[in-house]
Amino acid sequence: MATPLPLSFEFFPPKTPAGVRKLAAVRDRLAARGPEYVSVTYGAGGSTREGTLSTVESMVGAGLDVAPHLSMGSDAPETVRTLIDRYRDLGIRRIVALRGDIPSGMGTGRLHYAVELVRLLREHAGDHFHIEVAAYPEIHPDALSADADLRFFAEKCAAGADSALTQYFYNAEAYFDFCERVSALGVTTPIIPGIMPITNSTGLRRFSRACGAEIPRWLDRRLDSYEEGSPDFLAFGLDVVTFLCERLIAGGAPGLHLYTMNQAEAPEALLERLGR
């Protein structure tokens, strides 16, 4: 019997008591799908630091393996080391190491890069953590060029990253091309595609502009042909993302990382289609 493809789910820290209760319910529903781990995001400049920590603690309490997102942003290394120690004390064995951003309104202070955080993690905690880093098949929006972006990724891997999670995309060829280019550099770090279900075109377009993810023109125009959030809209979005995942799996993707947006319905529908 074939080994099931590894799954992971991403959540963000809720900001209200109602959000906390909802996330607990979503967490329990998706935990039944047997994820390898779940991740919890970390706001720009550590703006959700305490929310991330409390969400991680609740996930650990529910018996899940958790990978907190962590960035240095404009933080001092001492601040980051303290948080690393708190995660180690919680029994956390995996961290998603990111560059992070300076929150708006805080000027243009020193911005640390993800490779610096990977090095700090290895220097401070040795091999205690499995380190995930970000990958951008469609090129990081701040990259000077595609080649420069690839070099930065290779540096993160050489510094000690164990695997990578991609920004979401809807063009499978972008993922396969990125993996081929990485392999040509001699980098063997597994690259897990990030999957964003399509449930709201307005939010998806806004988020995609901010993070540099491309919505192909054909997909963008097709979304306009359905009423936002209607059953037909959701069915079309599910078809698109299911086909994308099937192509990725057939092409050898080592796992799937689902961006849940703290919702259970779309990830569950997708996994049902994929036989998970």
Protein backbone atom coordinates (compact mmCIF):
# COMPACT_ATOMS: atom_id res chain seq x y z
CA MET A 1 0.00 0.00 0.00
CA ALA A 2 1.36 3.41 -0.96
CA THR A 3 2.31 5.78 1.83
CA PRO A 4 -0.23 8.64 2.07
CA LEU A 5 1.09 11.95 0.80
CA PRO A 6 2.13 14.13 3.78
CA LEU A 7 -0.25 16.98 4.56
CA SER A 8 0.13 20.12 6.63
CA PHE A 9 -2.27 22.93 7.43
CA GLU A 10 -1.61 26.61 8.06
CA PHE A 11 -3.60 28.72 10.54
CA PHE A 12 -3.34 32.31 11.71
CA PRO A 13 -3.76 33.60 15.30
CA PRO A 14 -7.36 34.70 15.92
CA LYS A 15 -7.93 38.18 17.30
CA THR A 16 -11.23 37.71 19.15
CA PRO A 17 -12.70 35.17 21.60
CA ALA A 18 -15.14 34.09 18.90
CA GLY A 19 -12.21 33.55 16.55
CA VAL A 20 -10.45 31.43 19.16
CA ARG A 21 -13.51 29.22 19.55
CA LYS A 22 -13.94 28.89 15.79
CA LEU A 23 -10.30 27.98 15.27
CA ALA A 24 -10.54 25.26 17.92
CA ALA A 25 -13.43 23.69 16.02
CA VAL A 26 -11.64 23.99 12.66
CA ARG A 27 -8.47 22.58 14.19
CA ASP A 28 -10.29 19.52 15.47
CA ARG A 29 -12.04 18.89 12.16
CA LEU A 30 -8.83 19.10 10.13
CA ALA A 31 -6.82 17.13 12.69
CA ALA A 32 -8.98 14.16 11.71
CA ARG A 33 -7.27 14.29 8.30
CA GLY A 34 -4.00 13.20 9.86
CA PRO A 35 -1.68 16.12 9.06
CA GLU A 36 2.04 15.66 9.60
CA TYR A 37 1.95 19.02 11.37
CA VAL A 38 0.15 22.36 11.46
CA SER A 39 1.75 25.78 11.20
CA VAL A 40 0.79 29.09 12.82
CA THR A 41 1.62 32.42 11.17
CA TYR A 42 3.53 35.33 12.70
CA GLY A 43 2.63 38.94 11.92
CA ALA A 44 4.94 41.57 10.46
CA GLY A 45 7.61 42.62 12.94
CA GLY A 46 6.29 40.15 15.51
CA SER A 47 2.93 41.96 15.63
CA THR A 48 1.14 38.72 16.50
CA ARG A 49 3.93 37.34 18.70
CA GLU A 50 1.77 36.65 21.76
CA GLY A 51 -1.18 35.55 19.64
CA THR A 52 1.04 33.15 17.74
CA LEU A 53 2.47 31.76 20.98
CA SER A 54 -0.95 31.25 22.58
CA THR A 55 -2.29 29.62 19.40
CA VAL A 56 0.73 27.33 19.27
CA GLU A 57 0.17 26.39 22.92
CA SER A 58 -3.46 25.49 22.21
CA MET A 59 -2.44 23.37 19.22
CA VAL A 60 0.16 21.55 21.31
CA GLY A 61 -2.47 21.01 24.00
CA ALA A 62 -4.72 19.40 21.40
CA GLY A 63 -1.97 16.88 20.63
CA LEU A 64 -0.81 18.30 17.29
CA ASP A 65 2.72 18.68 16.05
CA VAL A 66 3.08 22.42 15.51
CA ALA A 67 5.45 24.51 13.41
CA PRO A 68 5.36 28.15 14.52
CA HIS A 69 6.24 30.72 11.90
CA LEU A 70 9.10 32.89 13.10
CA SER A 71 10.78 35.93 11.61
CA MET A 72 13.43 38.31 12.81
CA GLY A 73 11.92 41.28 10.99
CA SER A 74 13.41 44.24 12.80
CA ASP A 75 13.73 42.37 16.13
CA ALA A 76 16.99 42.08 18.03
CA PRO A 77 18.51 38.57 17.96
CA GLU A 78 18.09 38.36 21.75
CA THR A 79 14.32 38.73 21.38
CA VAL A 80 14.23 35.94 18.84
CA ARG A 81 16.44 33.65 20.95
CA THR A 82 14.08 34.07 23.90
CA LEU A 83 11.13 33.00 21.76
CA ILE A 84 13.08 30.07 20.35
CA ASP A 85 13.74 28.89 23.91
CA ARG A 86 10.04 29.15 24.77
CA TYR A 87 9.17 27.00 21.78
CA ARG A 88 11.83 24.46 22.68
CA ASP A 89 10.42 24.29 26.22
CA LEU A 90 6.98 23.58 24.73
CA GLY A 91 8.38 20.57 22.92
CA ILE A 92 8.22 22.17 19.48
CA ARG A 93 10.49 20.41 16.98
CA ARG A 94 9.74 22.35 13.77
CA ILE A 95 9.90 26.05 12.88
CA VAL A 96 9.02 27.93 9.68
CA ALA A 97 11.82 30.51 9.35
CA LEU A 98 10.86 33.60 7.35
CA ARG A 99 12.26 37.01 6.55
CA GLY A 100 9.26 38.86 7.90
CA ASP A 101 8.34 42.47 7.30
CA ILE A 102 8.48 45.71 9.24
CA PRO A 103 4.91 46.76 10.13
CA SER A 104 3.63 49.84 8.33
CA GLY A 105 4.30 53.03 10.24
CA MET A 106 7.55 51.77 11.78
CA GLY A 107 9.90 53.33 9.28
CA THR A 108 12.67 51.56 7.42
CA GLY A 109 14.74 50.02 10.17
CA ARG A 110 17.13 47.12 9.76
CA LEU A 111 15.34 44.19 8.13
CA HIS A 112 16.86 40.77 8.74
CA TYR A 113 16.73 38.10 6.06
CA ALA A 114 15.55 34.52 6.46
CA VAL A 115 19.04 33.11 5.98
CA GLU A 116 20.13 34.99 9.11
CA LEU A 117 17.32 33.39 11.09
CA VAL A 118 18.22 29.93 9.79
CA ARG A 119 21.81 30.48 10.93
CA LEU A 120 20.67 31.81 14.31
CA LEU A 121 18.44 28.76 14.82
CA ARG A 122 21.26 26.38 14.02
CA GLU A 123 23.76 28.26 16.18
CA HIS A 124 21.37 28.57 19.12
CA ALA A 125 19.51 25.25 18.97
CA GLY A 126 21.67 22.94 16.88
CA ASP A 127 19.62 20.24 15.21
CA HIS A 128 16.70 20.46 17.65
CA PHE A 129 14.37 22.01 15.06
CA HIS A 130 13.35 20.88 11.62
CA ILE A 131 13.58 24.19 9.74
CA GLU A 132 11.17 25.07 6.96
CA VAL A 133 11.85 28.07 4.74
CA ALA A 134 9.82 29.83 2.07
CA ALA A 135 10.12 29.28 -1.68
CA TYR A 136 8.64 31.43 -4.44
CA PRO A 137 8.03 29.56 -7.71
CA GLU A 138 6.75 32.81 -9.25
CA ILE A 139 9.66 34.81 -7.78
CA HIS A 140 9.60 36.85 -4.57
CA PRO A 141 8.04 40.28 -5.22
CA ASP A 142 11.13 42.01 -3.78
CA ALA A 143 13.66 39.95 -5.75
CA LEU A 144 16.02 41.81 -8.07
CA SER A 145 15.77 38.96 -10.60
CA ALA A 146 14.74 35.34 -10.92
CA ASP A 147 18.38 34.24 -10.61
CA ALA A 148 18.93 36.38 -7.51
CA ASP A 149 15.82 34.90 -5.92
CA LEU A 150 17.09 31.40 -6.65
CA ARG A 151 20.47 32.20 -5.09
CA PHE A 152 18.80 33.48 -1.92
CA PHE A 153 16.82 30.24 -1.71
CA ALA A 154 19.95 28.15 -2.15
CA GLU A 155 21.67 30.15 0.60
CA LYS A 156 18.84 29.35 3.01
CA CYS A 157 19.17 25.67 2.22
CA ALA A 158 22.95 25.74 2.65
CA ALA A 159 22.54 27.51 5.99
CA GLY A 160 20.58 24.57 7.39
CA ALA A 161 17.01 24.51 6.07
CA ASP A 162 15.52 21.01 6.02
CA SER A 163 12.61 21.67 3.66
CA ALA A 164 10.68 24.48 2.02
CA LEU A 165 7.06 25.58 1.66
CA THR A 166 6.06 27.55 -1.41
CA GLN A 167 3.90 30.60 -1.75
CA TYR A 168 0.63 29.51 -3.36
CA PHE A 169 0.31 29.47 -7.13
CA TYR A 170 -2.17 28.26 -9.75
CA ASN A 171 0.32 27.41 -12.49
CA ALA A 172 1.85 23.99 -11.88
CA GLU A 173 4.58 24.68 -14.44
CA ALA A 174 5.95 27.47 -12.24
CA TYR A 175 6.47 24.93 -9.45
CA PHE A 176 8.09 22.31 -11.67
CA ASP A 177 10.35 24.89 -13.31
CA PHE A 178 11.46 26.18 -9.90
CA CYS A 179 12.23 22.66 -8.68
CA GLU A 180 14.25 21.93 -11.83
CA ARG A 181 16.28 25.12 -11.43
CA VAL A 182 16.92 24.37 -7.76
CA SER A 183 18.03 20.83 -8.62
CA ALA A 184 20.40 22.18 -11.28
CA LEU A 185 22.19 24.06 -8.50
CA GLY A 186 22.70 20.80 -6.62
CA VAL A 187 20.14 21.68 -3.94
CA THR A 188 18.19 18.62 -2.75
CA THR A 189 15.96 20.29 -0.15
CA PRO A 190 12.36 19.02 -0.50
CA ILE A 191 9.98 21.73 -1.77
CA ILE A 192 6.36 21.32 -0.67
CA PRO A 193 3.78 23.25 -2.70
CA GLY A 194 1.51 25.64 -0.82
CA ILE A 195 -2.14 25.33 -1.84
CA MET A 196 -4.70 28.10 -1.51
CA PRO A 197 -8.36 27.05 -1.96
CA ILE A 198 -10.50 29.46 -3.99
CA THR A 199 -13.46 30.63 -1.93
CA ASN A 200 -13.46 34.43 -2.35
CA SER A 201 -12.16 36.20 -5.44
CA THR A 202 -12.02 39.66 -3.87
CA GLY A 203 -9.86 38.54 -0.99
CA LEU A 204 -7.76 36.29 -3.21
CA ARG A 205 -6.98 39.14 -5.60
CA ARG A 206 -6.09 41.52 -2.77
CA PHE A 207 -3.85 38.98 -1.06
CA SER A 208 -2.22 37.96 -4.34
CA ARG A 209 -1.29 41.56 -5.15
CA ALA A 210 0.31 41.91 -1.73
CA CYS A 211 2.33 38.69 -1.80
CA GLY A 212 3.24 38.52 -5.48
CA ALA A 213 1.22 35.40 -6.32
CA GLU A 214 -0.13 35.33 -9.86
CA ILE A 215 -3.74 34.61 -10.74
CA PRO A 216 -3.56 33.52 -14.39
CA ARG A 217 -5.67 35.67 -16.71
CA TRP A 218 -7.90 32.79 -17.75
CA LEU A 219 -8.64 32.00 -14.08
CA ASP A 220 -9.19 35.64 -13.17
CA ARG A 221 -11.69 36.09 -15.99
CA ARG A 222 -13.47 32.82 -15.25
CA LEU A 223 -13.94 33.84 -11.62
CA ASP A 224 -15.76 36.94 -12.88
CA SER A 225 -18.32 34.75 -14.63
CA TYR A 226 -19.70 33.43 -11.32
CA GLU A 227 -21.49 35.16 -8.48
CA GLU A 228 -19.07 35.58 -5.57
CA GLY A 229 -19.43 32.75 -3.08
CA SER A 230 -22.22 31.00 -5.00
CA PRO A 231 -22.33 27.18 -5.22
CA ASP A 232 -21.17 27.38 -8.85
CA PHE A 233 -18.29 29.68 -7.87
CA LEU A 234 -17.17 27.29 -5.12
CA ALA A 235 -17.52 24.26 -7.38
CA PHE A 236 -15.40 25.92 -10.08
CA GLY A 237 -12.75 26.91 -7.54
CA LEU A 238 -12.67 23.37 -6.19
CA ASP A 239 -12.26 21.95 -9.70
CA VAL A 240 -9.32 24.26 -10.41
CA VAL A 241 -7.46 23.53 -7.19
CA THR A 242 -8.16 19.78 -7.36
CA PHE A 243 -6.70 19.59 -10.87
CA LEU A 244 -3.68 21.60 -9.72
CA CYS A 245 -3.05 19.23 -6.82
CA GLU A 246 -3.47 16.17 -9.01
CA ARG A 247 -0.84 17.53 -11.40
CA LEU A 248 1.53 18.31 -8.55
CA ILE A 249 1.13 14.87 -7.01
CA ALA A 250 1.58 13.13 -10.37
CA GLY A 251 4.71 15.22 -10.93
CA GLY A 252 6.29 14.07 -7.67
CA ALA A 253 5.48 16.81 -5.16
CA PRO A 254 6.62 15.55 -1.72
CA GLY A 255 3.52 16.81 0.11
CA LEU A 256 0.82 19.47 0.20
CA HIS A 257 0.66 22.47 2.55
CA LEU A 258 -2.87 23.91 2.69
CA TYR A 259 -3.52 27.54 3.54
CA THR A 260 -6.77 27.14 5.47
CA MET A 261 -7.55 30.79 6.30
CA ASN A 262 -8.94 29.27 9.53
CA GLN A 263 -11.72 27.56 7.57
CA ALA A 264 -12.40 23.82 7.38
CA GLU A 265 -14.91 23.45 4.55
CA ALA A 266 -12.69 24.15 1.52
CA PRO A 267 -9.72 22.04 2.72
CA GLU A 268 -12.08 19.17 3.58
CA ALA A 269 -13.77 19.32 0.16
CA LEU A 270 -10.39 19.33 -1.58
CA LEU A 271 -9.08 16.39 0.43
CA GLU A 272 -12.27 14.43 -0.25
CA ARG A 273 -11.66 14.93 -3.98
CA LEU A 274 -8.07 13.77 -3.56
CA GLY A 275 -9.10 10.67 -1.63
CA ARG A 276 -7.69 11.95 1.67
